[in-house]
Amino acid sequence: MWHLLPPSALLLLVSSVTQAADRSKAVVHLDPPWVRMLKEDSVTLTCQGAYPPEDNSTRWYHNGTRISSQNPSYFIGAAKLEHSGTYQCQTGLSLRSDSVKLQVHSDWVVLQTSKSAFREGEHIRLRCHSWRNKRLYKVTYIQNGIPKRFFHNNTEFHIPEATLNHSGSYFCRGLIGQRNTSSAVVPITVGDPASLLIKPSFPSWPQIAFCLVIGLLFAMDTGLYFLVQRDLRRSMRGKKEYNVKWSQDQDK
């Protein structure tokens, strides 16, 4: 006969099953939210995920290699070029997070975004950021070579609801003192997540028909070649037999 489990064991079993069913990916959040930054900037990476009771230890990965920090937040106080790369985290009750890619630049100005691919309807924030937060003014935001917004004082450029027309190459420029500075170009893509994936390309019907015709001609050419070779061998064999017979008749 089956033995009934004690209530404590039953609760433990139910809890473990529920935790296994609810196991999901952790998420890395940035504060400030920019994925592009300049040398000496600071950023805090926070891991959001499920933790076991009384255990908030977190595993952090930089470019796939585990780093020493086990805190739920990972702080970069003065960014260096070597801090560039992908970051992931994992908690005791979560799967490893998707990668967040940080880019550290050694320029005077950088155009900052929270990511490079957006869904339609999402809010896009662009920020023209200067090294050591030096005063930047007469700032222009440019998309595909066309100026989109000008600010006398440095101000973020907001696109409240992104559309497909907002995809393109962006950069910003402005003045630091008397120095005219421009950021590097940042590609931004707007679209449905499924459309951002690379779709397999299938041959069109004309291409298929062309391949079939070429294959048929090749098969016909190959068949004719073997037929000619067979007839040629028969002809040579017949000629040889005729010569032998003619020689025998001459000897009689």
Protein backbone atom coordinates (compact mmCIF):
# COMPACT_ATOMS: atom_id res chain seq x y z
CA MET A 1 0.00 0.00 0.00
CA TRP A 2 1.03 3.63 -0.63
CA HIS A 3 2.28 5.55 2.39
CA LEU A 4 1.01 9.11 2.75
CA LEU A 5 3.69 11.79 2.76
CA PRO A 6 3.88 14.05 5.80
CA PRO A 7 2.58 17.61 5.16
CA SER A 8 6.06 19.15 5.31
CA ALA A 9 7.42 16.75 2.67
CA LEU A 10 4.35 17.34 0.51
CA LEU A 11 4.82 21.11 0.68
CA LEU A 12 8.50 20.74 -0.18
CA LEU A 13 7.65 18.56 -3.19
CA VAL A 14 5.01 21.00 -4.42
CA SER A 15 7.41 23.92 -3.94
CA SER A 16 10.21 22.23 -5.88
CA VAL A 17 7.86 21.32 -8.74
CA THR A 18 6.49 24.87 -8.86
CA GLN A 19 9.97 26.37 -8.86
CA ALA A 20 11.06 24.07 -11.69
CA ALA A 21 7.98 25.02 -13.72
CA ASP A 22 8.51 28.75 -13.06
CA ARG A 23 12.22 28.71 -13.86
CA SER A 24 12.80 31.49 -16.36
CA LYS A 25 15.63 33.65 -17.66
CA ALA A 26 17.15 36.37 -15.55
CA VAL A 27 17.28 39.90 -16.99
CA VAL A 28 20.15 42.41 -16.88
CA HIS A 29 19.15 46.06 -16.33
CA LEU A 30 21.47 49.05 -16.83
CA ASP A 31 21.50 52.27 -14.82
CA PRO A 32 21.87 54.61 -16.63
CA PRO A 33 20.24 52.63 -19.45
CA TRP A 34 22.77 53.38 -22.21
CA VAL A 35 24.62 50.55 -23.95
CA ARG A 36 27.16 52.98 -25.46
CA MET A 37 29.39 54.91 -23.11
CA LEU A 38 32.67 56.80 -22.94
CA LYS A 39 35.83 56.09 -20.97
CA GLU A 40 35.54 56.98 -17.28
CA ASP A 41 31.73 56.77 -17.35
CA SER A 42 30.02 54.68 -14.68
CA VAL A 43 27.20 52.16 -14.97
CA THR A 44 25.43 49.71 -12.64
CA LEU A 45 24.26 46.34 -13.94
CA THR A 46 21.47 44.77 -11.91
CA CYS A 47 20.33 41.17 -12.20
CA GLN A 48 16.59 40.57 -11.98
CA GLY A 49 15.67 36.97 -11.31
CA ALA A 50 14.29 34.53 -8.75
CA TYR A 51 16.45 33.75 -5.71
CA PRO A 52 16.22 30.87 -3.24
CA PRO A 53 15.33 31.88 0.34
CA GLU A 54 18.22 33.65 2.10
CA ASP A 55 20.51 33.30 -0.92
CA ASN A 56 20.92 36.28 -3.24
CA SER A 57 24.25 35.20 -4.70
CA THR A 58 24.47 36.01 -8.40
CA ARG A 59 26.70 34.65 -11.13
CA TRP A 60 28.00 37.29 -13.55
CA TYR A 61 29.60 36.61 -16.95
CA HIS A 62 31.67 38.92 -19.14
CA ASN A 63 32.13 37.68 -22.71
CA GLY A 64 31.08 34.22 -21.51
CA THR A 65 33.66 34.05 -18.69
CA ARG A 66 32.48 34.14 -15.08
CA ILE A 67 33.68 37.11 -13.07
CA SER A 68 34.25 37.26 -9.32
CA SER A 69 31.29 39.44 -8.29
CA GLN A 70 28.41 37.57 -6.65
CA ASN A 71 26.27 40.60 -5.76
CA PRO A 72 22.89 41.20 -7.41
CA SER A 73 24.37 44.44 -8.80
CA TYR A 74 27.66 44.85 -10.62
CA PHE A 75 29.15 48.37 -10.60
CA ILE A 76 31.64 49.73 -13.14
CA GLY A 77 32.96 52.95 -11.61
CA ALA A 78 35.30 54.24 -14.31
CA ALA A 79 34.81 52.41 -17.58
CA LYS A 80 37.80 51.32 -19.61
CA LEU A 81 37.92 49.96 -23.14
CA GLU A 82 38.34 46.44 -21.78
CA HIS A 83 34.93 46.73 -20.10
CA SER A 84 33.35 46.50 -23.55
CA GLY A 85 31.63 43.22 -24.36
CA THR A 86 28.62 41.12 -23.46
CA TYR A 87 27.30 40.71 -19.93
CA GLN A 88 25.01 38.01 -18.55
CA CYS A 89 23.78 37.05 -15.09
CA GLN A 90 22.11 34.08 -13.43
CA THR A 91 20.41 33.59 -10.07
CA GLY A 92 19.81 30.42 -8.09
CA LEU A 93 16.30 29.93 -9.50
CA SER A 94 16.72 31.39 -12.99
CA LEU A 95 18.35 30.51 -16.26
CA ARG A 96 21.24 32.58 -17.56
CA SER A 97 20.04 35.89 -18.99
CA ASP A 98 20.28 37.07 -22.56
CA SER A 99 23.41 39.06 -23.36
CA VAL A 100 23.59 42.82 -22.92
CA LYS A 101 26.34 44.36 -25.01
CA LEU A 102 28.25 47.34 -23.64
CA GLN A 103 30.45 49.48 -25.87
CA VAL A 104 33.07 51.76 -24.31
CA HIS A 105 34.48 54.42 -26.66
CA SER A 106 37.42 56.79 -26.38
CA ASP A 107 35.87 59.73 -28.26
CA TRP A 108 34.84 63.25 -27.34
CA VAL A 109 31.16 62.54 -28.03
CA VAL A 110 29.02 59.42 -28.27
CA LEU A 111 25.40 58.98 -29.33
CA GLN A 112 23.77 56.92 -26.59
CA THR A 113 20.83 54.54 -26.98
CA SER A 114 19.29 51.88 -24.75
CA LYS A 115 19.54 49.31 -27.58
CA SER A 116 19.88 49.18 -31.36
CA ALA A 117 16.72 47.21 -32.35
CA PHE A 118 13.24 48.44 -31.46
CA ARG A 119 9.70 47.25 -32.03
CA GLU A 120 7.19 49.47 -33.77
CA GLY A 121 5.51 51.73 -31.24
CA GLU A 122 8.41 51.65 -28.77
CA HIS A 123 9.89 54.80 -27.28
CA ILE A 124 13.38 55.65 -28.57
CA ARG A 125 15.68 57.86 -26.51
CA LEU A 126 18.83 59.34 -28.03
CA ARG A 127 21.39 61.25 -26.01
CA CYS A 128 24.43 63.14 -27.24
CA HIS A 129 26.94 62.55 -24.44
CA SER A 130 30.33 64.25 -24.05
CA TRP A 131 33.48 62.97 -22.37
CA ARG A 132 33.55 63.84 -18.65
CA ASN A 133 30.19 65.57 -19.21
CA LYS A 134 31.87 68.63 -20.68
CA ARG A 135 29.39 71.32 -21.70
CA LEU A 136 27.96 70.51 -25.11
CA TYR A 137 25.71 72.98 -26.95
CA LYS A 138 24.25 73.65 -30.40
CA VAL A 139 23.50 69.95 -30.68
CA THR A 140 22.05 68.45 -33.87
CA TYR A 141 20.70 64.91 -34.28
CA ILE A 142 21.07 63.51 -37.81
CA GLN A 143 19.33 60.52 -39.41
CA ASN A 144 20.63 59.17 -42.73
CA GLY A 145 22.50 62.42 -43.33
CA ILE A 146 19.41 64.61 -42.71
CA PRO A 147 19.24 66.87 -39.60
CA LYS A 148 16.19 65.89 -37.52
CA ARG A 149 16.37 68.02 -34.38
CA PHE A 150 18.43 70.96 -33.14
CA PHE A 151 18.87 72.04 -29.51
CA HIS A 152 20.79 75.11 -28.41
CA ASN A 153 21.53 73.35 -25.11
CA ASN A 154 22.26 69.65 -24.97
CA THR A 155 18.91 67.83 -24.75
CA GLU A 156 17.82 64.25 -25.37
CA PHE A 157 16.03 63.51 -28.64
CA HIS A 158 12.87 61.46 -28.04
CA ILE A 159 10.87 59.44 -30.59
CA PRO A 160 7.68 58.56 -28.64
CA GLU A 161 6.37 55.89 -31.04
CA ALA A 162 8.88 54.34 -33.41
CA THR A 163 7.86 53.44 -36.97
CA LEU A 164 9.68 51.73 -39.81
CA ASN A 165 10.68 55.18 -41.11
CA HIS A 166 12.79 55.70 -37.99
CA SER A 167 15.21 52.94 -38.99
CA GLY A 168 18.54 54.23 -40.23
CA SER A 169 21.96 55.57 -39.33
CA TYR A 170 22.11 58.20 -36.60
CA PHE A 171 24.79 60.46 -35.19
CA CYS A 172 24.96 63.75 -33.32
CA ARG A 173 27.23 66.75 -33.42
CA GLY A 174 27.75 69.83 -31.29
CA LEU A 175 30.24 72.28 -29.83
CA ILE A 176 32.52 71.74 -26.85
CA GLY A 177 33.94 75.23 -26.35
CA GLN A 178 35.00 76.14 -29.88
CA ARG A 179 35.55 72.51 -30.89
CA ASN A 180 33.03 71.10 -33.39
CA THR A 181 32.63 67.43 -32.50
CA SER A 182 30.62 64.57 -33.99
CA SER A 183 29.78 61.12 -32.69
CA ALA A 184 30.25 57.85 -34.52
CA VAL A 185 27.32 56.55 -36.56
CA VAL A 186 24.85 54.30 -34.74
CA PRO A 187 22.57 51.96 -36.76
CA ILE A 188 19.02 51.73 -35.41
CA THR A 189 16.47 49.20 -36.66
CA VAL A 190 12.72 49.39 -36.12
CA GLY A 191 10.44 46.48 -36.94
CA ASP A 192 8.61 43.41 -35.75
CA PRO A 193 11.01 41.09 -33.81
CA ALA A 194 10.31 38.27 -36.27
CA SER A 195 11.19 40.50 -39.22
CA LEU A 196 14.52 41.39 -37.60
CA LEU A 197 15.60 37.76 -37.90
CA ILE A 198 17.36 36.56 -41.03
CA LYS A 199 14.81 34.66 -43.05
CA PRO A 200 15.89 31.81 -45.33
CA SER A 201 15.63 32.72 -48.99
CA PHE A 202 13.93 30.24 -51.31
CA PRO A 203 14.49 30.13 -55.09
CA SER A 204 11.78 31.64 -57.27
CA TRP A 205 9.83 29.64 -59.87
CA PRO A 206 11.90 31.03 -62.80
CA GLN A 207 15.07 29.96 -60.98
CA ILE A 208 13.61 26.49 -60.35
CA ALA A 209 12.52 26.18 -64.00
CA PHE A 210 15.95 27.28 -65.19
CA CYS A 211 17.65 24.68 -62.99
CA LEU A 212 15.26 21.97 -64.24
CA VAL A 213 15.96 22.88 -67.89
CA ILE A 214 19.70 22.86 -67.31
CA GLY A 215 19.43 19.48 -65.58
CA LEU A 216 17.31 18.08 -68.43
CA LEU A 217 19.73 19.33 -71.07
CA PHE A 218 22.62 17.85 -69.13
CA ALA A 219 20.83 14.50 -68.91
CA MET A 220 20.02 14.55 -72.65
CA ASP A 221 23.57 15.50 -73.55
CA THR A 222 24.94 12.72 -71.35
CA GLY A 223 22.54 10.20 -72.90
CA LEU A 224 23.48 11.24 -76.45
CA TYR A 225 27.16 10.98 -75.57
CA PHE A 226 26.80 7.36 -74.43
CA LEU A 227 24.61 6.50 -77.48
CA VAL A 228 27.24 7.92 -79.85
CA GLN A 229 29.97 6.07 -78.01
CA ARG A 230 28.01 2.79 -78.26
CA ASP A 231 27.30 3.26 -82.00
CA LEU A 232 30.92 4.17 -82.62
CA ARG A 233 32.11 1.02 -80.86
CA ARG A 234 29.66 -1.08 -82.91
CA SER A 235 30.82 0.59 -86.10
CA MET A 236 34.46 -0.05 -85.29
CA ARG A 237 33.72 -3.66 -84.39
CA GLY A 238 31.76 -4.16 -87.66
CA LYS A 239 34.53 -2.62 -89.69
CA LYS A 240 37.07 -4.87 -88.03
CA GLU A 241 34.98 -7.97 -88.76
CA TYR A 242 34.55 -6.86 -92.40
CA ASN A 243 38.31 -6.43 -92.81
CA VAL A 244 38.97 -9.88 -91.34
CA LYS A 245 36.39 -11.47 -93.68
CA TRP A 246 37.74 -9.61 -96.71
CA SER A 247 41.26 -10.78 -95.88
CA GLN A 248 40.10 -14.39 -95.58
CA ASP A 249 38.33 -14.20 -98.98
CA GLN A 250 41.50 -12.88 -100.62
CA ASP A 251 43.51 -15.80 -99.26
CA LYS A 252 41.25 -18.39 -100.84
